[in-house]
C-alpha atoms as a PDB file:
ATOM      1  CA  UNK A   1      54.417 118.410 106.350  1.00  0.00           C
ATOM      2  CA  UNK A   2      53.473 120.590 103.282  1.00  0.00           C
ATOM      3  CA  UNK A   3      54.640 123.788 105.130  1.00  0.00           C
ATOM      4  CA  UNK A   4      57.582 122.241 106.291  1.00  0.00           C
ATOM      5  CA  UNK A   5      58.492 120.899 102.745  1.00  0.00           C
ATOM      6  CA  UNK A   6      57.992 124.243 101.862  1.00  0.00           C
ATOM      7  CA  UNK A   7      60.733 125.854 104.206  1.00  0.00           C
ATOM      8  CA  UNK A   8      63.409 123.504 103.568  1.00  0.00           C
ATOM      9  CA  UNK A   9      62.685 124.601  99.245  1.00  0.00           C
ATOM     10  CA  UNK A  10      63.195 127.939 100.445  1.00  0.00           C
ATOM     11  CA  UNK A  11      66.152 127.293 102.907  1.00  0.00           C
ATOM     12  CA  UNK A  12      67.493 125.393  99.730  1.00  0.00           C
ATOM     13  CA  UNK A  13      68.435 128.741  97.836  1.00  0.00           C
ATOM     14  CA  UNK A  14      70.511 129.658 100.122  1.00  0.00           C
ATOM     15  CA  UNK A  15      73.145 126.924  98.848  1.00  0.00           C
ATOM     16  CA  UNK A  16      72.795 127.946  95.602  1.00  0.00           C
ATOM     17  CA  UNK A  17      73.533 131.042  96.548  1.00  0.00           C
ATOM     18  CA  UNK A  18      76.544 130.689  97.991  1.00  0.00           C
ATOM     19  CA  UNK A  19      77.762 128.107  95.061  1.00  0.00           C
ATOM     20  CA  UNK A  20      77.264 130.736  92.949  1.00  0.00           C
ATOM     21  CA  UNK A  21      79.642 133.338  94.664  1.00  0.00           C
ATOM     22  CA  UNK A  22      81.935 130.069  94.708  1.00  0.00           C
ATOM     23  CA  UNK A  23      81.925 129.792  90.234  1.00  0.00           C
ATOM     24  CA  UNK A  24      85.067 131.148  89.783  1.00  0.00           C
ATOM     25  CA  UNK A  25      86.916 129.057  91.947  1.00  0.00           C
ATOM     26  CA  UNK A  26      84.808 126.011  91.185  1.00  0.00           C
ATOM     27  CA  UNK A  27      85.516 126.171  87.583  1.00  0.00           C
ATOM     28  CA  UNK A  28      89.783 127.149  88.384  1.00  0.00           C
ATOM     29  CA  UNK A  29      89.756 123.806  90.543  1.00  0.00           C
ATOM     30  CA  UNK A  30      87.726 121.177  88.925  1.00  0.00           C
ATOM     31  CA  UNK A  31      88.506 119.131  91.837  1.00  0.00           C
ATOM     32  CA  UNK A  32      86.172 121.133  94.238  1.00  0.00           C
ATOM     33  CA  UNK A  33      83.804 120.836  91.220  1.00  0.00           C
ATOM     34  CA  UNK A  34      83.200 117.457  91.564  1.00  0.00           C
ATOM     35  CA  UNK A  35      83.560 117.365  95.206  1.00  0.00           C
ATOM     36  CA  UNK A  36      80.577 119.546  95.572  1.00  0.00           C
ATOM     37  CA  UNK A  37      77.466 117.127  94.305  1.00  0.00           C
ATOM     38  CA  UNK A  38      79.653 114.709  95.946  1.00  0.00           C
ATOM     39  CA  UNK A  39      80.422 115.771  99.246  1.00  0.00           C
ATOM     40  CA  UNK A  40      76.564 116.626  99.734  1.00  0.00           C
ATOM     41  CA  UNK A  41      74.760 113.551  98.525  1.00  0.00           C
ATOM     42  CA  UNK A  42      76.902 111.341 101.193  1.00  0.00           C
ATOM     43  CA  UNK A  43      76.313 113.883 103.788  1.00  0.00           C
ATOM     44  CA  UNK A  44      72.618 113.365 102.782  1.00  0.00           C
ATOM     45  CA  UNK A  45      72.808 109.324 102.722  1.00  0.00           C
ATOM     46  CA  UNK A  46      74.866 109.541 105.949  1.00  0.00           C
ATOM     47  CA  UNK A  47      72.296 111.370 107.719  1.00  0.00           C
ATOM     48  CA  UNK A  48      69.386 109.023 106.237  1.00  0.00           C
ATOM     49  CA  UNK A  49      71.201 106.080 107.918  1.00  0.00           C
ATOM     50  CA  UNK A  50      71.465 107.433 111.105  1.00  0.00           C
ATOM     51  CA  UNK A  51      67.790 108.322 111.424  1.00  0.00           C
ATOM     52  CA  UNK A  52      66.379 105.281 110.341  1.00  0.00           C
ATOM     53  CA  UNK A  53      68.793 103.674 112.387  1.00  0.00           C
ATOM     54  CA  UNK A  54      67.827 106.025 115.747  1.00  0.00           C
ATOM     55  CA  UNK A  55      63.970 105.300 114.695  1.00  0.00           C
ATOM     56  CA  UNK A  56      64.034 102.109 115.035  1.00  0.00           C
ATOM     57  CA  UNK A  57      65.657 102.236 118.341  1.00  0.00           C
ATOM     58  CA  UNK A  58      62.888 104.152 119.331  1.00  0.00           C
ATOM     59  CA  UNK A  59      60.322 102.232 118.349  1.00  0.00           C
ATOM     60  CA  UNK A  60      62.030  99.130 119.541  1.00  0.00           C
ATOM     61  CA  UNK A  61      62.168 101.001 123.128  1.00  0.00           C
ATOM     62  CA  UNK A  62      66.026 101.431 123.141  1.00  0.00           C
ATOM     63  CA  UNK A  63      66.579 104.724 121.958  1.00  0.00           C
ATOM     64  CA  UNK A  64      67.511 107.827 124.227  1.00  0.00           C
ATOM     65  CA  UNK A  65      69.115 110.460 123.326  1.00  0.00           C
ATOM     66  CA  UNK A  66      72.817 110.448 124.905  1.00  0.00           C
ATOM     67  CA  UNK A  67      76.325 108.603 124.284  1.00  0.00           C
ATOM     68  CA  UNK A  68      75.857 106.691 126.970  1.00  0.00           C
ATOM     69  CA  UNK A  69      73.316 104.515 125.276  1.00  0.00           C
ATOM     70  CA  UNK A  70      75.435 102.093 123.223  1.00  0.00           C
ATOM     71  CA  UNK A  71      73.267 101.967 120.313  1.00  0.00           C
ATOM     72  CA  UNK A  72      73.491 105.824 120.337  1.00  0.00           C
ATOM     73  CA  UNK A  73      76.889 105.355 120.618  1.00  0.00           C
ATOM     74  CA  UNK A  74      77.799 102.609 117.957  1.00  0.00           C
ATOM     75  CA  UNK A  75      75.934 104.745 115.123  1.00  0.00           C
ATOM     76  CA  UNK A  76      78.045 107.700 115.727  1.00  0.00           C
ATOM     77  CA  UNK A  77      81.165 105.138 115.275  1.00  0.00           C
ATOM     78  CA  UNK A  78      79.569 104.109 112.427  1.00  0.00           C
ATOM     79  CA  UNK A  79      78.757 107.568 110.816  1.00  0.00           C
ATOM     80  CA  UNK A  80      82.198 108.778 111.257  1.00  0.00           C
ATOM     81  CA  UNK A  81      83.995 105.578 109.996  1.00  0.00           C
ATOM     82  CA  UNK A  82      81.706 105.607 107.340  1.00  0.00           C
ATOM     83  CA  UNK A  83      82.733 109.704 107.240  1.00  0.00           C
ATOM     84  CA  UNK A  84      86.409 109.054 107.099  1.00  0.00           C
ATOM     85  CA  UNK A  85      85.879 106.025 104.799  1.00  0.00           C
ATOM     86  CA  UNK A  86      84.152 107.683 101.908  1.00  0.00           C
ATOM     87  CA  UNK A  87      85.190 111.344 102.446  1.00  0.00           C
ATOM     88  CA  UNK A  88      88.840 109.805 102.135  1.00  0.00           C
ATOM     89  CA  UNK A  89      88.049 107.825  98.950  1.00  0.00           C
ATOM     90  CA  UNK A  90      85.948 110.846  97.432  1.00  0.00           C
ATOM     91  CA  UNK A  91      88.889 113.024  98.069  1.00  0.00           C
ATOM     92  CA  UNK A  92      91.321 111.390  95.531  1.00  0.00           C
ATOM     93  CA  UNK A  93      88.909 110.601  93.006  1.00  0.00           C
ATOM     94  CA  UNK A  94      88.044 114.305  93.019  1.00  0.00           C
ATOM     95  CA  UNK A  95      91.690 114.965  92.963  1.00  0.00           C
ATOM     96  CA  UNK A  96      92.430 112.368  90.180  1.00  0.00           C
ATOM     97  CA  UNK A  97      89.649 113.653  88.141  1.00  0.00           C
ATOM     98  CA  UNK A  98      90.471 117.664  88.559  1.00  0.00           C
ATOM     99  CA  UNK A  99      94.081 116.626  87.055  1.00  0.00           C
ATOM    100  CA  UNK A 100      93.020 115.124  84.291  1.00  0.00           C
ATOM    101  CA  UNK A 101      90.536 118.165  83.761  1.00  0.00           C
ATOM    102  CA  UNK A 102      93.413 120.458  84.022  1.00  0.00           C
ATOM    103  CA  UNK A 103      93.387 121.242  87.915  1.00  0.00           C
ATOM    104  CA  UNK A 104      96.452 122.311  89.613  1.00  0.00           C
ATOM    105  CA  UNK A 105      95.148 121.709  93.127  1.00  0.00           C
ATOM    106  CA  UNK A 106      97.405 118.594  94.885  1.00  0.00           C
ATOM    107  CA  UNK A 107      96.498 115.545  96.021  1.00  0.00           C
ATOM    108  CA  UNK A 108      97.452 116.357  99.764  1.00  0.00           C
ATOM    109  CA  UNK A 109      94.573 119.651  99.717  1.00  0.00           C
ATOM    110  CA  UNK A 110      92.041 118.014  97.831  1.00  0.00           C
ATOM    111  CA  UNK A 111      92.349 115.303 100.410  1.00  0.00           C
ATOM    112  CA  UNK A 112      92.198 117.172 103.370  1.00  0.00           C
ATOM    113  CA  UNK A 113      89.476 119.846 102.084  1.00  0.00           C
ATOM    114  CA  UNK A 114      87.373 116.902 101.447  1.00  0.00           C
ATOM    115  CA  UNK A 115      88.251 114.698 104.866  1.00  0.00           C
ATOM    116  CA  UNK A 116      87.974 118.144 107.104  1.00  0.00           C
ATOM    117  CA  UNK A 117      84.978 119.556 105.726  1.00  0.00           C
ATOM    118  CA  UNK A 118      83.316 115.358 105.974  1.00  0.00           C
ATOM    119  CA  UNK A 119      84.315 115.058 109.379  1.00  0.00           C
ATOM    120  CA  UNK A 120      82.314 118.482 110.216  1.00  0.00           C
ATOM    121  CA  UNK A 121      79.249 117.006 107.981  1.00  0.00           C
ATOM    122  CA  UNK A 122      79.257 113.706 110.078  1.00  0.00           C
ATOM    123  CA  UNK A 123      79.188 116.136 113.362  1.00  0.00           C
ATOM    124  CA  UNK A 124      75.904 118.181 111.623  1.00  0.00           C
ATOM    125  CA  UNK A 125      74.864 114.730 110.801  1.00  0.00           C
ATOM    126  CA  UNK A 126      74.973 113.511 114.618  1.00  0.00           C
ATOM    127  CA  UNK A 127      73.711 116.060 115.698  1.00  0.00           C
ATOM    128  CA  UNK A 128      70.915 117.024 113.139  1.00  0.00           C
ATOM    129  CA  UNK A 129      69.626 113.371 112.924  1.00  0.00           C
ATOM    130  CA  UNK A 130      69.506 113.140 117.097  1.00  0.00           C
ATOM    131  CA  UNK A 131      67.426 116.584 117.172  1.00  0.00           C
ATOM    132  CA  UNK A 132      65.574 115.443 114.366  1.00  0.00           C
ATOM    133  CA  UNK A 133      64.396 112.206 115.824  1.00  0.00           C
ATOM    134  CA  UNK A 134      63.834 113.693 118.807  1.00  0.00           C
ATOM    135  CA  UNK A 135      61.830 116.604 118.091  1.00  0.00           C
ATOM    136  CA  UNK A 136      59.590 114.337 115.597  1.00  0.00           C
ATOM    137  CA  UNK A 137      58.712 112.556 118.602  1.00  0.00           C
ATOM    138  CA  UNK A 138      57.679 114.766 121.426  1.00  0.00           C
ATOM    139  CA  UNK A 139      56.018 116.730 118.931  1.00  0.00           C
ATOM    140  CA  UNK A 140      54.278 113.610 118.038  1.00  0.00           C
ATOM    141  CA  UNK A 141      54.733 113.246 114.580  1.00  0.00           C
ATOM    142  CA  UNK A 142      56.190 110.082 112.701  1.00  0.00           C
ATOM    143  CA  UNK A 143      59.891 109.864 112.674  1.00  0.00           C
ATOM    144  CA  UNK A 144      60.303 108.184 109.717  1.00  0.00           C
ATOM    145  CA  UNK A 145      58.064 110.860 107.680  1.00  0.00           C
ATOM    146  CA  UNK A 146      60.007 114.004 109.381  1.00  0.00           C
ATOM    147  CA  UNK A 147      63.296 113.237 110.101  1.00  0.00           C
ATOM    148  CA  UNK A 148      64.879 112.312 106.489  1.00  0.00           C
ATOM    149  CA  UNK A 149      63.619 115.122 104.429  1.00  0.00           C
ATOM    150  CA  UNK A 150      64.712 117.431 107.270  1.00  0.00           C
ATOM    151  CA  UNK A 151      68.695 116.129 107.630  1.00  0.00           C
ATOM    152  CA  UNK A 152      69.275 115.806 104.190  1.00  0.00           C
ATOM    153  CA  UNK A 153      67.802 119.137 103.330  1.00  0.00           C
ATOM    154  CA  UNK A 154      70.059 120.453 106.377  1.00  0.00           C
ATOM    155  CA  UNK A 155      72.777 118.718 105.060  1.00  0.00           C
ATOM    156  CA  UNK A 156      72.665 120.237 101.581  1.00  0.00           C
ATOM    157  CA  UNK A 157      72.306 123.527 102.880  1.00  0.00           C
ATOM    158  CA  UNK A 158      75.282 123.250 105.744  1.00  0.00           C
ATOM    159  CA  UNK A 159      77.459 121.396 103.424  1.00  0.00           C
ATOM    160  CA  UNK A 160      77.993 123.722 100.676  1.00  0.00           C
ATOM    161  CA  UNK A 161      78.648 126.167 103.474  1.00  0.00           C
ATOM    162  CA  UNK A 162      81.020 123.998 105.459  1.00  0.00           C
ATOM    163  CA  UNK A 163      82.780 122.856 102.135  1.00  0.00           C
ATOM    164  CA  UNK A 164      83.458 127.060 100.966  1.00  0.00           C
ATOM    165  CA  UNK A 165      84.080 127.431 104.285  1.00  0.00           C
ATOM    166  CA  UNK A 166      86.967 124.939 104.659  1.00  0.00           C
ATOM    167  CA  UNK A 167      88.006 125.530 101.082  1.00  0.00           C
ATOM    168  CA  UNK A 168      88.185 129.266 102.279  1.00  0.00           C
ATOM    169  CA  UNK A 169      90.711 128.267 104.865  1.00  0.00           C
ATOM    170  CA  UNK A 170      92.702 126.445 102.640  1.00  0.00           C
ATOM    171  CA  UNK A 171      93.218 127.848  99.560  1.00  0.00           C
END
C-alpha cells in the first residue's frame, strides 16, 4: 500500500498546480472558489460510497462488472441521482455565497458549471470505482483497503481538471 499511496500523493501535486494556474479566475469569481473544495469532496464521497457498495456485492457474490447486473445498475443510478441533487444544491449555494462576496457570475452560469462538472465527475466515479474494485480483486488485494484511497485521489486530481475545463468552456 505504501508505494500506491506515495504515487497518489505525488499525483496530488498536479491538482495543486492546476489550481495555481486558475488563481486569478478564482479570485475574480468567488462562487468558483466556493465550488472547488465542495466539488472535489463530494466526488470523493460519491466514489467512496460506490466502492463500498460494489465491494459488499463482491463479498456477497452478487457482483459482476456489467450494467446488466441489477445491483451495479442500481448503484450507477444512485450515484447519478445523488450527483444531480447535490451538485445542483452546491451550485445554488456557491452562487449565493459568491454574490454576497461580490461575485458577478449569474445563477445560471454557476449552476451550469456545477451540474456539468458534477455529472462528468459522476461518470468518472462510476468508471473508476468499477475498475478499481475489479483490479484490486483480480490482483489479490482487499478492495476495502485499496479502492477508496485510489478513487478519492483520482477524483481529487481529475475533479479539479474537469471543473476548470468546464469553467474554461463556459467563461
